Every structure is written in structure tokens, then in C-alpha cells.
Amino acid sequence: MRSSRQPKVILFTGASCPWCTAAKQYLRQKRIRFQEIDATRDPRAQREMKRRHIRGVPVLLIGNQAIVGFDKAKIDRLLGLK
């Protein structure tokens, strides 16, 4: 169950990325609010990913923590899900 104080969640995606689609579906299934940013079209997102030395999508930013790829266990841990 999600706590009432959910950290900010940003999902950097790419248009033809199947793992990005899976991550979005998972977050929706868990009723997690998130902001989606298409990193292939947003220069600010590209700069942020470059600053963090990240080259691929999906990337989830949960608070200050970055998850590269679709890793349910890490997502659940950082969001306090069971």
C-alpha cells in the first residue's frame, strides 16, 4: 500500500521502448502518480540524463534516486510498496 506522502516520481521514456510501456503500466497498476517525459523529444530531459551519466530508458527518478531500466523490486523498495 502506498503511503500518503508519495515521493515525486518522474519517468523518462522513449517512444518505441517496450520496457517504458511496462514501467508505465506497472506504476498505473500500483496507483502511483508520476510525470512522464519523453526523453527522445525533450532536450532538458536529455541533459538531465547526461548529467547523471544515463544513456538508456526507462529511467525512474523516485525522489533523488534513479532507477535505470524496469526493476520492480527497486521500484517497490523506494516507494515502500509490498
C-alpha atoms as a PDB file:
ATOM      1  CA  MET A   1       0.000   0.000   0.000  1.00  0.00           C
ATOM      2  CA  ARG A   2       1.285   3.458  -0.872  1.00  0.00           C
ATOM      3  CA  SER A   3       1.898   5.936   1.915  1.00  0.00           C
ATOM      4  CA  SER A   4       0.032   9.243   1.868  1.00  0.00           C
ATOM      5  CA  ARG A   5       3.334  11.076   1.263  1.00  0.00           C
ATOM      6  CA  GLN A   6       4.499   9.633  -2.022  1.00  0.00           C
ATOM      7  CA  PRO A   7       7.843  10.956  -3.245  1.00  0.00           C
ATOM      8  CA  LYS A   8       7.934  12.715  -6.599  1.00  0.00           C
ATOM      9  CA  VAL A   9       8.182  10.175  -9.418  1.00  0.00           C
ATOM     10  CA  ILE A  10       9.428  11.093 -12.885  1.00  0.00           C
ATOM     11  CA  LEU A  11       9.602   8.519 -15.669  1.00  0.00           C
ATOM     12  CA  PHE A  12      11.863   9.247 -18.634  1.00  0.00           C
ATOM     13  CA  THR A  13      10.663   7.240 -21.613  1.00  0.00           C
ATOM     14  CA  GLY A  14      11.265   6.706 -25.309  1.00  0.00           C
ATOM     15  CA  ALA A  15       8.593   6.402 -27.978  1.00  0.00           C
ATOM     16  CA  SER A  16       9.324   2.828 -29.087  1.00  0.00           C
ATOM     17  CA  CYS A  17      10.574   1.425 -25.775  1.00  0.00           C
ATOM     18  CA  PRO A  18       8.679  -1.698 -24.612  1.00  0.00           C
ATOM     19  CA  TRP A  19      10.256  -1.517 -21.119  1.00  0.00           C
ATOM     20  CA  CYS A  20       8.977   2.062 -20.809  1.00  0.00           C
ATOM     21  CA  THR A  21       5.462   0.826 -21.574  1.00  0.00           C
ATOM     22  CA  ALA A  22       5.842  -1.922 -18.962  1.00  0.00           C
ATOM     23  CA  ALA A  23       7.058   0.603 -16.361  1.00  0.00           C
ATOM     24  CA  LYS A  24       4.096   2.921 -17.043  1.00  0.00           C
ATOM     25  CA  GLN A  25       1.640   0.039 -16.765  1.00  0.00           C
ATOM     26  CA  TYR A  26       3.219  -1.108 -13.503  1.00  0.00           C
ATOM     27  CA  LEU A  27       3.087   2.359 -11.941  1.00  0.00           C
ATOM     28  CA  ARG A  28      -0.548   2.770 -13.012  1.00  0.00           C
ATOM     29  CA  GLN A  29      -1.419  -0.680 -11.646  1.00  0.00           C
ATOM     30  CA  LYS A  30       0.103   0.317  -8.295  1.00  0.00           C
ATOM     31  CA  ARG A  31      -1.728   3.679  -8.448  1.00  0.00           C
ATOM     32  CA  ILE A  32       1.489   5.662  -8.312  1.00  0.00           C
ATOM     33  CA  ARG A  33       1.290   9.217  -9.590  1.00  0.00           C
ATOM     34  CA  PHE A  34       4.129  10.008 -11.979  1.00  0.00           C
ATOM     35  CA  GLN A  35       5.212  12.530 -14.545  1.00  0.00           C
ATOM     36  CA  GLU A  36       6.212  11.059 -17.896  1.00  0.00           C
ATOM     37  CA  ILE A  37       8.822  12.812 -20.002  1.00  0.00           C
ATOM     38  CA  ASP A  38       9.711  11.585 -23.481  1.00  0.00           C
ATOM     39  CA  ALA A  39      13.493  11.814 -23.354  1.00  0.00           C
ATOM     40  CA  THR A  40      13.760  11.462 -27.128  1.00  0.00           C
ATOM     41  CA  ARG A  41      11.922  14.765 -27.598  1.00  0.00           C
ATOM     42  CA  ASP A  42      12.823  16.819 -24.538  1.00  0.00           C
ATOM     43  CA  PRO A  43      16.272  18.472 -24.559  1.00  0.00           C
ATOM     44  CA  ARG A  44      16.090  19.211 -20.810  1.00  0.00           C
ATOM     45  CA  ALA A  45      15.471  15.524 -20.109  1.00  0.00           C
ATOM     46  CA  GLN A  46      18.406  14.601 -22.316  1.00  0.00           C
ATOM     47  CA  ARG A  47      20.678  16.995 -20.404  1.00  0.00           C
ATOM     48  CA  GLU A  48      19.465  15.624 -17.045  1.00  0.00           C
ATOM     49  CA  MET A  49      20.153  12.057 -18.135  1.00  0.00           C
ATOM     50  CA  LYS A  50      23.577  13.037 -19.469  1.00  0.00           C
ATOM     51  CA  ARG A  51      24.373  14.809 -16.182  1.00  0.00           C
ATOM     52  CA  ARG A  52      23.557  11.570 -14.350  1.00  0.00           C
ATOM     53  CA  HIS A  53      25.606   9.516 -16.884  1.00  0.00           C
ATOM     54  CA  ILE A  54      22.492   7.607 -18.000  1.00  0.00           C
ATOM     55  CA  ARG A  55      22.199   6.529 -21.618  1.00  0.00           C
ATOM     56  CA  GLY A  56      19.039   4.448 -21.869  1.00  0.00           C
ATOM     57  CA  VAL A  57      15.377   4.433 -20.959  1.00  0.00           C
ATOM     58  CA  PRO A  58      13.282   3.832 -18.982  1.00  0.00           C
ATOM     59  CA  VAL A  59      14.659   5.857 -16.108  1.00  0.00           C
ATOM     60  CA  LEU A  60      12.613   6.394 -12.982  1.00  0.00           C
ATOM     61  CA  LEU A  61      13.525   9.188 -10.628  1.00  0.00           C
ATOM     62  CA  ILE A  62      11.958   8.493  -7.268  1.00  0.00           C
ATOM     63  CA  GLY A  63      12.846  11.401  -5.038  1.00  0.00           C
ATOM     64  CA  ASN A  64      16.606  11.709  -5.551  1.00  0.00           C
ATOM     65  CA  GLN A  65      17.130   8.061  -6.506  1.00  0.00           C
ATOM     66  CA  ALA A  66      17.438   6.943 -10.139  1.00  0.00           C
ATOM     67  CA  ILE A  67      16.439   3.507 -11.380  1.00  0.00           C
ATOM     68  CA  VAL A  68      17.748   2.687 -14.838  1.00  0.00           C
ATOM     69  CA  GLY A  69      15.628   0.041 -16.518  1.00  0.00           C
ATOM     70  CA  PHE A  70      12.437  -1.577 -15.286  1.00  0.00           C
ATOM     71  CA  ASP A  71      13.248  -3.105 -11.888  1.00  0.00           C
ATOM     72  CA  LYS A  72      10.082  -3.898  -9.913  1.00  0.00           C
ATOM     73  CA  ALA A  73      11.963  -4.785  -6.726  1.00  0.00           C
ATOM     74  CA  LYS A  74      13.792  -1.437  -6.635  1.00  0.00           C
ATOM     75  CA  ILE A  75      10.619   0.474  -7.510  1.00  0.00           C
ATOM     76  CA  ASP A  76       8.722  -1.261  -4.730  1.00  0.00           C
ATOM     77  CA  ARG A  77      11.523  -0.685  -2.218  1.00  0.00           C
ATOM     78  CA  LEU A  78      11.899   3.025  -2.970  1.00  0.00           C
ATOM     79  CA  LEU A  79       8.133   3.586  -2.911  1.00  0.00           C
ATOM     80  CA  GLY A  80       7.551   1.440   0.171  1.00  0.00           C
ATOM     81  CA  LEU A  81       5.288  -1.000  -1.669  1.00  0.00           C
ATOM     82  CA  LYS A  82       4.745  -4.604  -0.604  1.00  0.00           C
END
